[in-house]
Amino acid sequence: MAKRAKHVAHGGAWKVAYADFTTSMMCLFLVLWLVSSDSETRAAIQQYFRGDIKEVGHKGTFLMPNEKPRPNNPTEQATDTLMSRQQLNRVAKRLQEQFSSAQDADELIRFEFMADGIRITALDKAKKPFFDPGTPNLTEFGKWVLQTIAWEVERFPFNVEVEGHTQQVGDGKLVVSESWNLSSSRAVSARDALQSGGIKTDQFYRVAGYGDRSPIDEVHPEAEENRRITVVVRPKGGVEMQDLSNELQKR
């Protein structure tokens, strides 16, 4: 009677092959996910692996450290600034879309794109006031505008400046101190509303009142469009954008 062949134990090579296959599929999944992600997500992931982001917040937003060491390489610094500028442009676009959906809001809110940021001007007109007349108290419309701005801005490491402006009253005999005080108080009220909307204290770079000294309509300083709140949003380090650009062009 023939002897039964002994069972030959299989080696572990198939386990190695299976592990390689699983790893390859995971890598493929990650690549496909990154390719399909928007540029904002890819930028945040890049910042995370470079150590620019500490942790992920409870709202899914990225929490940035208070102080970020600047790259020594001007090219890297210019790249970071450009990335922040792209984020800022997307924020401005979303804000424009939201304001255009509200009645009269698109007529009262103006966007000015500057070399180092954006300027958002909210007019305080009688037909849809931003403040209660003669006071620093925000109307419901004013609160909505500022909270909408804060909701979009607070997720990014931007610097914020708030400016208060008044119009010239009557023949210009309004006591100068009253104009300065009102514009300053309104700037502080706007700052408080932005902060309650999520913008951090260390993001505010400047809060100031300019009275009636910087009218939009210089020919008619008494025009009500000169009565306004301005929010300037810049990437951190954005003021250096033009200098960096010039330096890179010389190379």
Protein backbone atom coordinates (compact mmCIF):
# COMPACT_ATOMS: atom_id res chain seq x y z
CA MET A 1 0.00 0.00 0.00
CA ALA A 2 1.37 3.37 -1.03
CA LYS A 3 2.36 5.68 1.73
CA ARG A 4 0.39 8.91 2.04
CA ALA A 5 2.50 11.92 1.21
CA LYS A 6 3.30 14.07 4.14
CA HIS A 7 1.57 17.49 4.27
CA VAL A 8 3.97 20.20 3.25
CA ALA A 9 3.48 23.41 5.27
CA HIS A 10 3.02 26.50 3.15
CA GLY A 11 5.37 29.42 3.80
CA GLY A 12 4.32 32.92 4.83
CA ALA A 13 5.08 34.53 1.45
CA TRP A 14 1.37 35.00 0.69
CA LYS A 15 0.99 37.07 3.86
CA VAL A 16 3.73 39.41 2.73
CA ALA A 17 2.16 39.70 -0.71
CA TYR A 18 -1.25 40.39 0.81
CA ALA A 19 0.21 43.06 3.10
CA ASP A 20 1.91 44.73 0.12
CA PHE A 21 -1.36 44.64 -1.81
CA THR A 22 -3.30 46.18 1.11
CA THR A 23 -0.70 48.91 1.55
CA SER A 24 -0.79 49.69 -2.17
CA MET A 25 -4.59 49.98 -2.13
CA MET A 26 -4.43 52.32 0.87
CA CYS A 27 -1.86 54.50 -0.90
CA LEU A 28 -4.06 54.56 -4.00
CA PHE A 29 -7.06 55.57 -1.89
CA LEU A 30 -5.10 58.42 -0.27
CA VAL A 31 -3.85 59.66 -3.65
CA LEU A 32 -7.37 59.62 -5.12
CA TRP A 33 -8.73 61.41 -2.06
CA LEU A 34 -6.07 64.13 -2.23
CA VAL A 35 -6.58 64.62 -5.96
CA SER A 36 -10.35 65.01 -5.50
CA SER A 37 -10.00 67.39 -2.51
CA ASP A 38 -10.29 71.14 -3.00
CA SER A 39 -7.20 73.32 -2.85
CA GLU A 40 -8.15 74.61 0.60
CA THR A 41 -8.05 71.10 2.07
CA ARG A 42 -4.76 70.28 0.34
CA ALA A 43 -3.25 73.52 1.65
CA ALA A 44 -4.35 72.69 5.21
CA ILE A 45 -2.87 69.18 4.94
CA GLN A 46 0.38 70.64 3.66
CA GLN A 47 0.49 73.09 6.57
CA TYR A 48 -0.20 70.25 9.03
CA PHE A 49 2.70 68.07 7.87
CA ARG A 50 5.00 71.10 7.85
CA GLY A 51 4.13 71.70 11.49
CA ASP A 52 2.22 74.95 10.95
CA ILE A 53 -0.97 73.54 12.49
CA LYS A 54 -1.16 72.36 16.07
CA GLU A 55 -4.42 70.44 16.17
CA VAL A 56 -7.88 70.08 14.72
CA GLY A 57 -10.60 72.00 16.55
CA HIS A 58 -14.02 70.71 17.55
CA LYS A 59 -15.64 72.40 14.56
CA GLY A 60 -13.25 70.76 12.13
CA THR A 61 -11.26 73.95 11.77
CA PHE A 62 -7.49 74.07 12.01
CA LEU A 63 -6.08 75.90 15.02
CA MET A 64 -2.99 77.90 14.18
CA PRO A 65 -0.22 78.71 16.67
CA ASN A 66 -0.07 82.30 17.85
CA GLU A 67 3.35 82.86 16.39
CA LYS A 68 4.66 81.18 13.27
CA PRO A 69 8.36 81.41 12.47
CA ARG A 70 8.83 82.98 9.08
CA PRO A 71 10.66 80.93 6.46
CA ASN A 72 14.16 82.15 5.82
CA ASN A 73 13.79 81.38 2.14
CA PRO A 74 11.99 84.26 0.34
CA THR A 75 10.60 81.78 -2.19
CA GLU A 76 8.92 79.74 0.57
CA GLN A 77 7.61 82.91 2.19
CA ALA A 78 6.16 84.07 -1.13
CA THR A 79 4.51 80.66 -1.60
CA ASP A 80 2.90 80.85 1.85
CA THR A 81 1.68 84.37 1.17
CA LEU A 82 0.25 83.36 -2.20
CA MET A 83 -1.55 80.42 -0.58
CA SER A 84 -3.05 82.74 2.05
CA ARG A 85 -4.09 85.15 -0.68
CA GLN A 86 -5.89 82.35 -2.52
CA GLN A 87 -7.73 81.47 0.69
CA LEU A 88 -8.64 85.14 1.13
CA ASN A 89 -10.00 85.37 -2.40
CA ARG A 90 -12.22 82.35 -1.77
CA VAL A 91 -13.49 83.93 1.45
CA ALA A 92 -14.32 87.14 -0.41
CA LYS A 93 -16.17 85.21 -3.10
CA ARG A 94 -18.28 83.36 -0.53
CA LEU A 95 -19.09 86.61 1.27
CA GLN A 96 -20.13 88.28 -1.97
CA GLU A 97 -22.45 85.37 -2.72
CA GLN A 98 -24.04 85.52 0.73
CA PHE A 99 -24.52 89.27 0.68
CA SER A 100 -25.95 89.22 -2.83
CA SER A 101 -28.75 86.96 -1.59
CA ALA A 102 -29.94 89.51 1.01
CA GLN A 103 -32.19 92.38 0.03
CA ASP A 104 -30.22 95.61 -0.59
CA ALA A 105 -27.12 94.10 1.04
CA ASP A 106 -25.15 93.93 -2.20
CA GLU A 107 -25.76 97.68 -2.70
CA LEU A 108 -24.59 98.59 0.79
CA ILE A 109 -21.53 96.34 1.03
CA ARG A 110 -18.55 96.98 -1.21
CA PHE A 111 -15.43 94.91 -1.80
CA GLU A 112 -12.08 96.38 -2.78
CA PHE A 113 -9.31 93.96 -3.68
CA MET A 114 -5.90 95.35 -2.74
CA ALA A 115 -2.38 94.08 -3.31
CA ASP A 116 -2.16 92.78 0.25
CA GLY A 117 -5.76 92.01 1.19
CA ILE A 118 -9.39 92.99 0.81
CA ARG A 119 -11.35 95.95 2.12
CA ILE A 120 -15.02 95.34 2.99
CA THR A 121 -17.03 98.55 3.38
CA ALA A 122 -20.51 98.49 4.90
CA LEU A 123 -22.44 101.71 4.32
CA ASP A 124 -24.70 103.03 7.07
CA LYS A 125 -27.57 104.43 5.01
CA ALA A 126 -30.95 105.53 6.25
CA LYS A 127 -32.88 103.01 4.13
CA LYS A 128 -31.07 100.11 5.81
CA PRO A 129 -29.03 101.44 8.74
CA PHE A 130 -26.01 99.67 10.12
CA PHE A 131 -26.25 101.49 13.46
CA ASP A 132 -29.08 103.09 15.36
CA PRO A 133 -28.93 106.80 14.39
CA GLY A 134 -26.33 108.74 16.35
CA THR A 135 -25.30 105.74 18.47
CA PRO A 136 -22.72 102.94 18.36
CA ASN A 137 -25.51 100.35 18.72
CA LEU A 138 -25.63 97.89 15.83
CA THR A 139 -28.91 97.16 14.11
CA GLU A 140 -29.91 93.57 13.34
CA PHE A 141 -28.64 94.15 9.81
CA GLY A 142 -25.28 95.36 11.12
CA LYS A 143 -24.95 92.36 13.42
CA TRP A 144 -25.77 89.97 10.59
CA VAL A 145 -23.19 91.50 8.26
CA LEU A 146 -20.39 91.39 10.84
CA GLN A 147 -21.22 87.88 12.05
CA THR A 148 -21.27 86.66 8.45
CA ILE A 149 -17.82 88.16 7.91
CA ALA A 150 -16.56 86.63 11.16
CA TRP A 151 -17.89 83.18 10.25
CA GLU A 152 -15.84 83.14 7.05
CA VAL A 153 -12.70 84.85 8.37
CA GLU A 154 -12.16 83.20 11.76
CA ARG A 155 -11.14 79.86 10.23
CA PHE A 156 -7.99 81.32 8.72
CA PRO A 157 -4.90 83.06 10.15
CA PHE A 158 -5.80 86.51 8.83
CA ASN A 159 -5.18 89.91 10.38
CA VAL A 160 -8.25 92.11 10.75
CA GLU A 161 -8.50 95.90 10.90
CA VAL A 162 -11.70 97.77 11.77
CA GLU A 163 -12.31 101.41 10.83
CA GLY A 164 -15.20 103.66 11.83
CA HIS A 165 -16.17 106.68 9.70
CA THR A 166 -18.79 109.38 10.00
CA GLN A 167 -20.12 111.95 7.58
CA GLN A 168 -19.79 115.69 7.96
CA VAL A 169 -22.97 117.00 9.56
CA GLY A 170 -24.66 120.14 8.27
CA ASP A 171 -22.16 122.87 7.54
CA GLY A 172 -19.32 121.02 9.23
CA LYS A 173 -19.76 122.71 12.63
CA LEU A 174 -20.22 119.42 14.46
CA VAL A 175 -17.85 119.34 17.40
CA VAL A 176 -14.80 117.42 16.19
CA SER A 177 -14.58 115.35 19.37
CA GLU A 178 -18.15 114.10 18.86
CA SER A 179 -17.31 112.86 15.38
CA TRP A 180 -14.15 111.12 16.56
CA ASN A 181 -15.89 109.60 19.58
CA LEU A 182 -18.81 108.27 17.55
CA SER A 183 -16.62 106.74 14.85
CA SER A 184 -14.32 105.19 17.46
CA SER A 185 -17.21 103.79 19.48
CA ARG A 186 -18.71 102.29 16.33
CA ALA A 187 -15.40 100.70 15.40
CA VAL A 188 -15.22 99.11 18.87
CA SER A 189 -18.82 97.86 18.56
CA ALA A 190 -17.97 96.32 15.20
CA ARG A 191 -14.85 94.73 16.68
CA ASP A 192 -16.93 93.23 19.52
CA ALA A 193 -19.44 91.78 17.05
CA LEU A 194 -16.64 90.24 14.97
CA GLN A 195 -15.05 88.79 18.09
CA SER A 196 -18.35 87.30 19.27
CA GLY A 197 -18.60 85.74 15.82
CA GLY A 198 -15.38 83.82 16.37
CA ILE A 199 -12.48 86.09 15.37
CA LYS A 200 -9.74 85.77 17.96
CA THR A 201 -8.38 88.70 19.93
CA ASP A 202 -4.87 88.32 18.52
CA GLN A 203 -6.20 88.53 14.96
CA PHE A 204 -7.15 92.19 15.40
CA TYR A 205 -4.33 94.35 14.13
CA ARG A 206 -5.97 97.79 14.38
CA VAL A 207 -9.29 99.26 15.55
CA ALA A 208 -9.67 102.99 14.90
CA GLY A 209 -12.14 105.80 14.38
CA TYR A 210 -11.45 108.40 11.69
CA GLY A 211 -14.35 110.78 12.26
CA ASP A 212 -15.26 112.58 9.05
CA ARG A 213 -11.64 112.96 7.93
CA SER A 214 -11.60 110.25 5.27
CA PRO A 215 -14.79 110.58 3.19
CA ILE A 216 -15.53 108.35 0.21
CA ASP A 217 -17.10 111.32 -1.53
CA GLU A 218 -14.65 114.13 -0.93
CA VAL A 219 -16.72 116.59 -2.97
CA HIS A 220 -19.75 115.99 -0.75
CA PRO A 221 -18.40 115.21 2.75
CA GLU A 222 -21.94 115.39 4.12
CA ALA A 223 -23.12 112.49 1.90
CA GLU A 224 -24.42 109.56 3.94
CA GLU A 225 -22.24 107.05 2.08
CA ASN A 226 -19.32 108.53 4.02
CA ARG A 227 -20.92 107.08 7.17
CA ARG A 228 -19.60 103.53 7.23
CA ILE A 229 -17.67 100.70 8.85
CA THR A 230 -14.70 99.21 7.05
CA VAL A 231 -13.20 95.78 7.73
CA VAL A 232 -9.78 95.16 6.20
CA VAL A 233 -8.64 91.54 6.03
CA ARG A 234 -5.04 90.67 5.19
CA PRO A 235 -3.02 87.46 5.28
CA LYS A 236 -0.51 87.55 8.11
CA GLY A 237 2.61 88.98 6.52
CA GLY A 238 0.55 90.19 3.57
CA VAL A 239 2.06 93.65 3.71
CA GLU A 240 5.31 92.07 2.54
CA MET A 241 3.76 90.50 -0.55
CA GLN A 242 4.82 93.24 -2.95
CA ASP A 243 8.37 93.37 -1.57
CA LEU A 244 8.73 89.61 -1.94
CA SER A 245 7.38 89.71 -5.46
CA ASN A 246 9.87 92.38 -6.45
CA GLU A 247 12.74 90.46 -4.88
CA LEU A 248 11.83 87.26 -6.73
CA GLN A 249 11.56 89.09 -10.03
CA LYS A 250 15.13 90.37 -9.63
CA ARG A 251 16.48 86.83 -9.32
